[in-house]
C-alpha atoms as a PDB file:
ATOM      1  CA  MET A   1       0.000   0.000   0.000  1.00  0.00           C
ATOM      2  CA  ARG A   2       1.246   3.473  -0.874  1.00  0.00           C
ATOM      3  CA  TYR A   3      -0.201   6.953  -0.439  1.00  0.00           C
ATOM      4  CA  ASN A   4       1.130   8.987  -3.375  1.00  0.00           C
ATOM      5  CA  LYS A   5      -0.953  12.154  -3.475  1.00  0.00           C
ATOM      6  CA  LEU A   6       1.905  14.304  -2.136  1.00  0.00           C
ATOM      7  CA  SER A   7       5.196  14.236  -4.016  1.00  0.00           C
ATOM      8  CA  TYR A   8       7.164  15.187  -0.886  1.00  0.00           C
ATOM      9  CA  LEU A   9       5.530  12.661   1.469  1.00  0.00           C
ATOM     10  CA  GLN A  10       4.604   9.184   0.245  1.00  0.00           C
ATOM     11  CA  PRO A  11       4.264   6.666   3.082  1.00  0.00           C
ATOM     12  CA  PHE A  12       4.031   2.970   2.240  1.00  0.00           C
ATOM     13  CA  ALA A  13       3.689  -0.434   3.894  1.00  0.00           C
ATOM     14  CA  SER A  14       4.002  -3.959   2.588  1.00  0.00           C
ATOM     15  CA  PHE A  15       3.780  -7.605   3.615  1.00  0.00           C
ATOM     16  CA  SER A  16       5.182 -10.559   1.728  1.00  0.00           C
ATOM     17  CA  GLN A  17       5.729 -14.225   2.395  1.00  0.00           C
ATOM     18  CA  GLY A  18       8.324 -16.282   0.612  1.00  0.00           C
ATOM     19  CA  PHE A  19      10.423 -19.365   1.010  1.00  0.00           C
ATOM     20  CA  SER A  20      13.964 -20.454   0.399  1.00  0.00           C
ATOM     21  CA  ILE A  21      16.105 -23.552   0.797  1.00  0.00           C
ATOM     22  CA  GLY A  22      19.446 -23.392   2.600  1.00  0.00           C
ATOM     23  CA  ASP A  23      22.769 -24.221   0.975  1.00  0.00           C
ATOM     24  CA  SER A  24      22.187 -27.978   0.925  1.00  0.00           C
ATOM     25  CA  GLY A  25      25.163 -28.390  -1.385  1.00  0.00           C
ATOM     26  CA  LEU A  26      27.472 -27.349   1.456  1.00  0.00           C
ATOM     27  CA  ILE A  27      26.415 -30.523   3.285  1.00  0.00           C
ATOM     28  CA  LEU A  28      26.088 -32.820   0.261  1.00  0.00           C
ATOM     29  CA  ARG A  29      29.608 -32.073  -0.945  1.00  0.00           C
ATOM     30  CA  ASN A  30      30.869 -33.919   2.144  1.00  0.00           C
ATOM     31  CA  GLY A  31      29.250 -37.185   1.070  1.00  0.00           C
ATOM     32  CA  VAL A  32      26.154 -36.827   3.282  1.00  0.00           C
ATOM     33  CA  SER A  33      23.018 -38.455   1.890  1.00  0.00           C
ATOM     34  CA  LEU A  34      20.179 -36.187   0.798  1.00  0.00           C
ATOM     35  CA  ASN A  35      17.850 -38.225   3.015  1.00  0.00           C
ATOM     36  CA  ALA A  36      19.930 -37.284   6.053  1.00  0.00           C
ATOM     37  CA  ILE A  37      19.134 -33.560   5.870  1.00  0.00           C
ATOM     38  CA  ASP A  38      15.942 -31.523   5.915  1.00  0.00           C
ATOM     39  CA  VAL A  39      15.494 -29.776   2.554  1.00  0.00           C
ATOM     40  CA  SER A  40      11.931 -28.590   3.138  1.00  0.00           C
ATOM     41  CA  PRO A  41      11.410 -24.924   2.211  1.00  0.00           C
ATOM     42  CA  VAL A  42      11.875 -22.335   4.927  1.00  0.00           C
ATOM     43  CA  LYS A  43       8.977 -19.867   5.022  1.00  0.00           C
ATOM     44  CA  VAL A  44       9.755 -16.236   5.818  1.00  0.00           C
ATOM     45  CA  ASN A  45       7.311 -13.428   6.652  1.00  0.00           C
ATOM     46  CA  ASN A  46       8.484  -9.938   5.668  1.00  0.00           C
ATOM     47  CA  TYR A  47       7.009  -6.655   6.951  1.00  0.00           C
ATOM     48  CA  GLU A  48       8.086  -3.248   5.690  1.00  0.00           C
ATOM     49  CA  VAL A  49       7.079   0.357   6.382  1.00  0.00           C
ATOM     50  CA  GLY A  50       8.604   3.570   5.147  1.00  0.00           C
ATOM     51  CA  VAL A  51       8.248   6.908   3.477  1.00  0.00           C
ATOM     52  CA  ASN A  52       9.828   8.550   0.468  1.00  0.00           C
ATOM     53  CA  GLY A  53       9.477  11.777  -1.462  1.00  0.00           C
ATOM     54  CA  GLN A  54      11.056  14.679  -3.239  1.00  0.00           C
ATOM     55  CA  TYR A  55      11.011  18.339  -2.294  1.00  0.00           C
ATOM     56  CA  GLY A  56      12.714  20.673  -4.712  1.00  0.00           C
ATOM     57  CA  LYS A  57      16.275  19.470  -5.173  1.00  0.00           C
ATOM     58  CA  PHE A  58      16.092  17.097  -2.191  1.00  0.00           C
ATOM     59  CA  ARG A  59      14.953  13.459  -2.438  1.00  0.00           C
ATOM     60  CA  TYR A  60      14.808  10.788   0.255  1.00  0.00           C
ATOM     61  CA  GLU A  61      13.584   7.341   1.251  1.00  0.00           C
ATOM     62  CA  VAL A  62      13.512   5.840   4.748  1.00  0.00           C
ATOM     63  CA  THR A  63      12.489   2.212   5.257  1.00  0.00           C
ATOM     64  CA  GLY A  64      12.200  -0.117   8.235  1.00  0.00           C
ATOM     65  CA  TYR A  65      11.735  -3.873   7.893  1.00  0.00           C
ATOM     66  CA  TYR A  66      11.130  -6.932  10.062  1.00  0.00           C
ATOM     67  CA  SER A  67      11.347 -10.608   9.046  1.00  0.00           C
ATOM     68  CA  THR A  68      10.452 -13.754  10.953  1.00  0.00           C
ATOM     69  CA  THR A  69      10.935 -17.440  10.299  1.00  0.00           C
ATOM     70  CA  LYS A  70      10.584 -20.594  12.355  1.00  0.00           C
ATOM     71  CA  GLU A  71      13.469 -22.332  10.590  1.00  0.00           C
ATOM     72  CA  GLY A  72      16.328 -19.882  10.136  1.00  0.00           C
ATOM     73  CA  THR A  73      19.306 -21.713   8.670  1.00  0.00           C
ATOM     74  CA  SER A  74      22.885 -21.635   9.933  1.00  0.00           C
ATOM     75  CA  PHE A  75      25.917 -23.884   9.478  1.00  0.00           C
ATOM     76  CA  MET A  76      28.748 -25.110  11.698  1.00  0.00           C
ATOM     77  CA  GLU A  77      32.066 -26.557  10.571  1.00  0.00           C
ATOM     78  CA  ILE A  78      32.388 -29.791  12.552  1.00  0.00           C
ATOM     79  CA  THR A  79      35.745 -30.817  11.076  1.00  0.00           C
ATOM     80  CA  PRO A  80      37.696 -29.027   8.296  1.00  0.00           C
ATOM     81  CA  GLY A  81      35.424 -29.091   5.238  1.00  0.00           C
ATOM     82  CA  ASN A  82      32.655 -31.003   7.037  1.00  0.00           C
ATOM     83  CA  PHE A  83      29.555 -28.927   7.889  1.00  0.00           C
ATOM     84  CA  GLY A  84      26.431 -29.450   9.966  1.00  0.00           C
ATOM     85  CA  LEU A  85      23.079 -27.712   9.471  1.00  0.00           C
ATOM     86  CA  THR A  86      21.010 -26.037  12.222  1.00  0.00           C
ATOM     87  CA  GLN A  87      17.532 -24.514  11.870  1.00  0.00           C
ATOM     88  CA  LEU A  88      16.183 -22.206  14.588  1.00  0.00           C
ATOM     89  CA  PRO A  89      13.453 -19.540  14.850  1.00  0.00           C
ATOM     90  CA  GLN A  90      14.843 -16.132  13.886  1.00  0.00           C
ATOM     91  CA  ARG A  91      13.773 -12.488  13.931  1.00  0.00           C
ATOM     92  CA  ILE A  92      15.660 -10.079  11.695  1.00  0.00           C
ATOM     93  CA  TYR A  93      15.123  -6.342  11.623  1.00  0.00           C
ATOM     94  CA  GLY A  94      16.750  -3.318  10.079  1.00  0.00           C
ATOM     95  CA  ALA A  95      16.443   0.097   8.483  1.00  0.00           C
ATOM     96  CA  GLU A  96      17.711   1.864   5.407  1.00  0.00           C
ATOM     97  CA  ALA A  97      17.907   5.534   4.485  1.00  0.00           C
ATOM     98  CA  ILE A  98      18.697   6.938   1.027  1.00  0.00           C
ATOM     99  CA  LEU A  99      19.264  10.655   0.498  1.00  0.00           C
ATOM    100  CA  GLY A 100      20.005  12.749  -2.571  1.00  0.00           C
ATOM    101  CA  PHE A 101      20.559  16.424  -3.223  1.00  0.00           C
ATOM    102  CA  LYS A 102      21.126  18.117  -6.577  1.00  0.00           C
ATOM    103  CA  THR A 103      22.986  21.248  -5.603  1.00  0.00           C
ATOM    104  CA  ALA A 104      23.488  22.467  -9.181  1.00  0.00           C
ATOM    105  CA  LYS A 105      23.054  21.297 -12.752  1.00  0.00           C
ATOM    106  CA  TRP A 106      26.609  19.993 -12.676  1.00  0.00           C
ATOM    107  CA  LEU A 107      26.688  18.498  -9.164  1.00  0.00           C
ATOM    108  CA  ASP A 108      24.577  15.736  -7.590  1.00  0.00           C
ATOM    109  CA  LEU A 109      25.191  14.394  -4.062  1.00  0.00           C
ATOM    110  CA  GLY A 110      23.867  11.147  -2.644  1.00  0.00           C
ATOM    111  CA  GLY A 111      24.239   8.814   0.293  1.00  0.00           C
ATOM    112  CA  SER A 112      22.760   5.793   2.010  1.00  0.00           C
ATOM    113  CA  LEU A 113      22.822   4.112   5.406  1.00  0.00           C
ATOM    114  CA  GLY A 114      21.923   0.472   6.009  1.00  0.00           C
ATOM    115  CA  TYR A 115      21.486  -1.130   9.457  1.00  0.00           C
ATOM    116  CA  MET A 116      20.584  -4.760  10.158  1.00  0.00           C
ATOM    117  CA  ASP A 117      20.468  -7.051  13.206  1.00  0.00           C
ATOM    118  CA  GLY A 118      18.671 -10.136  14.428  1.00  0.00           C
ATOM    119  CA  LYS A 119      18.015 -12.605  17.248  1.00  0.00           C
ATOM    120  CA  GLU A 120      17.432 -16.359  17.258  1.00  0.00           C
ATOM    121  CA  ASP A 121      15.772 -18.781  19.668  1.00  0.00           C
ATOM    122  CA  THR A 122      18.500 -21.311  20.499  1.00  0.00           C
ATOM    123  CA  GLY A 123      16.269 -23.328  22.820  1.00  0.00           C
ATOM    124  CA  ASN A 124      13.227 -23.204  20.540  1.00  0.00           C
ATOM    125  CA  ASP A 125      11.222 -22.129  23.587  1.00  0.00           C
ATOM    126  CA  GLY A 126      10.100 -18.638  22.584  1.00  0.00           C
ATOM    127  CA  SER A 127      13.098 -16.876  24.139  1.00  0.00           C
ATOM    128  CA  TYR A 128      15.209 -15.127  21.493  1.00  0.00           C
ATOM    129  CA  ASP A 129      18.456 -15.226  23.407  1.00  0.00           C
ATOM    130  CA  ALA A 130      21.280 -15.127  20.853  1.00  0.00           C
ATOM    131  CA  LYS A 131      22.517 -13.027  17.955  1.00  0.00           C
ATOM    132  CA  VAL A 132      22.091 -14.242  14.384  1.00  0.00           C
ATOM    133  CA  ASP A 133      25.349 -15.162  12.638  1.00  0.00           C
ATOM    134  CA  ASN A 134      27.451 -12.896  10.442  1.00  0.00           C
ATOM    135  CA  ALA A 135      26.571 -14.716   7.215  1.00  0.00           C
ATOM    136  CA  THR A 136      22.935 -13.628   7.618  1.00  0.00           C
ATOM    137  CA  ILE A 137      23.384 -10.204   9.223  1.00  0.00           C
ATOM    138  CA  SER A 138      25.245  -7.550   7.260  1.00  0.00           C
ATOM    139  CA  PRO A 139      27.391  -5.007   9.149  1.00  0.00           C
ATOM    140  CA  LEU A 140      26.429  -1.347   9.189  1.00  0.00           C
ATOM    141  CA  LYS A 141      26.990   0.103   5.712  1.00  0.00           C
ATOM    142  CA  ILE A 142      27.442   3.761   4.780  1.00  0.00           C
ATOM    143  CA  ALA A 143      27.783   4.901   1.175  1.00  0.00           C
ATOM    144  CA  GLU A 144      28.290   8.356  -0.288  1.00  0.00           C
ATOM    145  CA  ASN A 145      28.630   9.471  -3.891  1.00  0.00           C
ATOM    146  CA  VAL A 146      29.410  12.681  -5.744  1.00  0.00           C
ATOM    147  CA  ASN A 147      28.413  12.983  -9.404  1.00  0.00           C
ATOM    148  CA  PHE A 148      29.840  15.712 -11.632  1.00  0.00           C
ATOM    149  CA  THR A 149      28.400  16.648 -15.023  1.00  0.00           C
ATOM    150  CA  ILE A 150      31.457  18.330 -16.499  1.00  0.00           C
ATOM    151  CA  THR A 151      29.930  18.785 -19.960  1.00  0.00           C
ATOM    152  CA  PRO A 152      26.761  17.365 -21.571  1.00  0.00           C
ATOM    153  CA  GLN A 153      28.985  14.553 -22.928  1.00  0.00           C
ATOM    154  CA  TRP A 154      31.296  14.004 -19.958  1.00  0.00           C
ATOM    155  CA  ASN A 155      30.424  12.893 -16.407  1.00  0.00           C
ATOM    156  CA  LEU A 156      32.509  11.825 -13.434  1.00  0.00           C
ATOM    157  CA  SER A 157      31.490   9.978 -10.233  1.00  0.00           C
ATOM    158  CA  VAL A 158      33.343   9.282  -6.995  1.00  0.00           C
ATOM    159  CA  GLN A 159      31.916   6.810  -4.452  1.00  0.00           C
ATOM    160  CA  LEU A 160      32.823   5.985  -0.856  1.00  0.00           C
ATOM    161  CA  VAL A 161      31.637   2.785   0.838  1.00  0.00           C
ATOM    162  CA  ASN A 162      32.287   2.067   4.519  1.00  0.00           C
ATOM    163  CA  ILE A 163      31.524  -1.361   6.001  1.00  0.00           C
ATOM    164  CA  SER A 164      31.631  -1.476   9.796  1.00  0.00           C
ATOM    165  CA  GLY A 165      32.923  -4.455  11.718  1.00  0.00           C
ATOM    166  CA  ARG A 166      30.691  -6.989  13.476  1.00  0.00           C
ATOM    167  CA  ASP A 167      32.058  -8.978  16.416  1.00  0.00           C
ATOM    168  CA  GLU A 168      29.124 -10.470  18.342  1.00  0.00           C
ATOM    169  CA  PHE A 169      30.432 -13.873  19.445  1.00  0.00           C
ATOM    170  CA  PRO A 170      33.018 -14.813  22.114  1.00  0.00           C
ATOM    171  CA  LYS A 171      36.187 -16.499  20.875  1.00  0.00           C
ATOM    172  CA  GLU A 172      35.167 -19.900  22.233  1.00  0.00           C
ATOM    173  CA  LYS A 173      32.171 -19.860  19.861  1.00  0.00           C
ATOM    174  CA  TRP A 174      34.072 -18.825  16.749  1.00  0.00           C
ATOM    175  CA  ASN A 175      33.102 -21.084  13.871  1.00  0.00           C
ATOM    176  CA  TYR A 176      31.824 -20.850  10.322  1.00  0.00           C
ATOM    177  CA  GLU A 177      29.616 -17.729  10.091  1.00  0.00           C
ATOM    178  CA  LYS A 178      30.540 -16.621  13.627  1.00  0.00           C
ATOM    179  CA  TYR A 179      34.057 -15.298  13.072  1.00  0.00           C
ATOM    180  CA  PRO A 180      34.393 -11.513  13.548  1.00  0.00           C
ATOM    181  CA  VAL A 181      34.066  -9.262  10.523  1.00  0.00           C
ATOM    182  CA  THR A 182      36.529  -6.376  10.314  1.00  0.00           C
ATOM    183  CA  GLY A 183      35.472  -3.106   8.747  1.00  0.00           C
ATOM    184  CA  TYR A 184      36.924  -1.373   5.728  1.00  0.00           C
ATOM    185  CA  THR A 185      36.483   1.724   3.555  1.00  0.00           C
ATOM    186  CA  LEU A 186      36.609   1.797  -0.239  1.00  0.00           C
ATOM    187  CA  PHE A 187      36.769   4.567  -2.811  1.00  0.00           C
ATOM    188  CA  ASP A 188      35.773   4.036  -6.448  1.00  0.00           C
ATOM    189  CA  LEU A 189      35.968   6.359  -9.436  1.00  0.00           C
ATOM    190  CA  TYR A 190      33.994   6.205 -12.692  1.00  0.00           C
ATOM    191  CA  THR A 191      33.911   8.486 -15.707  1.00  0.00           C
ATOM    192  CA  ALA A 192      32.317   8.339 -19.143  1.00  0.00           C
ATOM    193  CA  TYR A 193      32.605  10.459 -22.280  1.00  0.00           C
ATOM    194  CA  LYS A 194      29.954  10.177 -24.969  1.00  0.00           C
ATOM    195  CA  PHE A 195      30.707  10.700 -28.650  1.00  0.00           C
ATOM    196  CA  LYS A 196      28.102  10.400 -31.399  1.00  0.00           C
ATOM    197  CA  HIS A 197      28.006   6.596 -31.536  1.00  0.00           C
ATOM    198  CA  ILE A 198      30.614   5.580 -28.949  1.00  0.00           C
ATOM    199  CA  THR A 199      30.796   6.078 -25.191  1.00  0.00           C
ATOM    200  CA  LEU A 200      34.195   5.576 -23.569  1.00  0.00           C
ATOM    201  CA  THR A 201      34.215   4.522 -19.919  1.00  0.00           C
ATOM    202  CA  PHE A 202      36.993   4.368 -17.352  1.00  0.00           C
ATOM    203  CA  ALA A 203      36.676   3.028 -13.797  1.00  0.00           C
ATOM    204  CA  VAL A 204      39.106   2.560 -10.921  1.00  0.00           C
ATOM    205  CA  ASN A 205      37.958   0.240  -8.151  1.00  0.00           C
ATOM    206  CA  ASN A 206      39.560   0.353  -4.692  1.00  0.00           C
ATOM    207  CA  LEU A 207      41.173   3.646  -5.618  1.00  0.00           C
ATOM    208  CA  PHE A 208      43.513   3.829  -2.602  1.00  0.00           C
ATOM    209  CA  ASN A 209      44.467   0.145  -2.591  1.00  0.00           C
ATOM    210  CA  ALA A 210      42.724  -0.791   0.678  1.00  0.00           C
ATOM    211  CA  ASP A 211      44.019  -4.033   2.214  1.00  0.00           C
ATOM    212  CA  TYR A 212      41.104  -6.027   3.674  1.00  0.00           C
ATOM    213  CA  TYR A 213      39.113  -9.254   3.891  1.00  0.00           C
ATOM    214  CA  PRO A 214      35.621  -8.975   2.366  1.00  0.00           C
ATOM    215  CA  VAL A 215      32.638  -9.982   4.495  1.00  0.00           C
ATOM    216  CA  HIS A 216      32.009 -13.282   2.679  1.00  0.00           C
ATOM    217  CA  SER A 217      35.628 -14.279   3.383  1.00  0.00           C
ATOM    218  CA  ALA A 218      35.712 -13.071   7.004  1.00  0.00           C
ATOM    219  CA  VAL A 219      32.673 -15.133   8.046  1.00  0.00           C
ATOM    220  CA  ARG A 220      34.575 -18.304   7.087  1.00  0.00           C
ATOM    221  CA  GLY A 221      37.503 -17.324   9.282  1.00  0.00           C
ATOM    222  CA  ALA A 222      41.163 -18.331   9.231  1.00  0.00           C
ATOM    223  CA  THR A 223      40.485 -22.061   9.561  1.00  0.00           C
ATOM    224  CA  SER A 224      43.243 -24.671   9.423  1.00  0.00           C
ATOM    225  CA  GLU A 225      42.683 -25.060   5.676  1.00  0.00           C
ATOM    226  CA  GLY A 226      42.025 -21.379   5.038  1.00  0.00           C
ATOM    227  CA  ARG A 227      40.515 -22.132   1.640  1.00  0.00           C
ATOM    228  CA  TYR A 228      38.154 -19.162   1.619  1.00  0.00           C
ATOM    229  CA  TYR A 229      39.946 -16.708   3.929  1.00  0.00           C
ATOM    230  CA  ILE A 230      41.306 -14.626   1.071  1.00  0.00           C
ATOM    231  CA  LYS A 231      41.807 -10.886   0.703  1.00  0.00           C
ATOM    232  CA  VAL A 232      40.378  -9.005  -2.255  1.00  0.00           C
ATOM    233  CA  SER A 233      42.515  -7.654  -5.072  1.00  0.00           C
ATOM    234  CA  GLY A 234      44.019  -4.195  -4.744  1.00  0.00           C
ATOM    235  CA  THR A 235      43.458  -1.238  -7.020  1.00  0.00           C
ATOM    236  CA  ASN A 236      42.281  -2.212 -10.494  1.00  0.00           C
ATOM    237  CA  ALA A 237      41.259  -0.160 -13.517  1.00  0.00           C
ATOM    238  CA  ASN A 238      38.877  -0.915 -16.358  1.00  0.00           C
ATOM    239  CA  LEU A 239      38.638   0.809 -19.726  1.00  0.00           C
ATOM    240  CA  GLY A 240      35.596   0.140 -21.878  1.00  0.00           C
ATOM    241  CA  ALA A 241      33.656   1.276 -24.908  1.00  0.00           C
ATOM    242  CA  ILE A 242      29.923   1.171 -25.638  1.00  0.00           C
ATOM    243  CA  ILE A 243      28.998   1.307 -29.314  1.00  0.00           C
ATOM    244  CA  ASN A 244      25.515   2.378 -30.437  1.00  0.00           C
ATOM    245  CA  PHE A 245      24.635   1.479 -34.014  1.00  0.00           C
END
């Protein structure tokens, strides 16, 4: 549902129900029989409320969400490369804000903030007493971008992304998905110049050569095998061309 009579104030609310199946392949790759695991779909209820709008040169959107499931999926590495599956009731909640401001014809500013957290019922008794693992919950994310229109044919964008750390579990509980996530900050640059039939693009990712482990690597941790605990590449540049016939 959305109320859209006012361009500067458009509240909305939604409900959806979906289902998903956990990463069964993670278990099956260890020689476990399909009959030995529960592959029934996990139903999830999603609730969302928010408001968005535009007033002059300012635009915004603020959203809050809440999800529940009786069979939230998590994994544990029992021995190196051998994983077990656990399904517990979970409640996940979060908020997101997106802001934009066009200060001039040649300058556009934007930013976003994303927050997420969750609890799970380890005893399956109605008491949500533990944090949800780091593979399901994303750390706090802040993004900012500056877009320059230098000429009608030439534009330039600079983006900053900051991922906060997440360290919710004591060392004695460190395991797959529960290892701490360290934060990092990235800068990216993108520019494009448009000719009559060709647009040339140039991008530099990780502009200042940040040295870090991405989230999907950190949640696996520095295990004895260390197969997935790998840093990302450093600064890299891409030059491209788009041809319109």
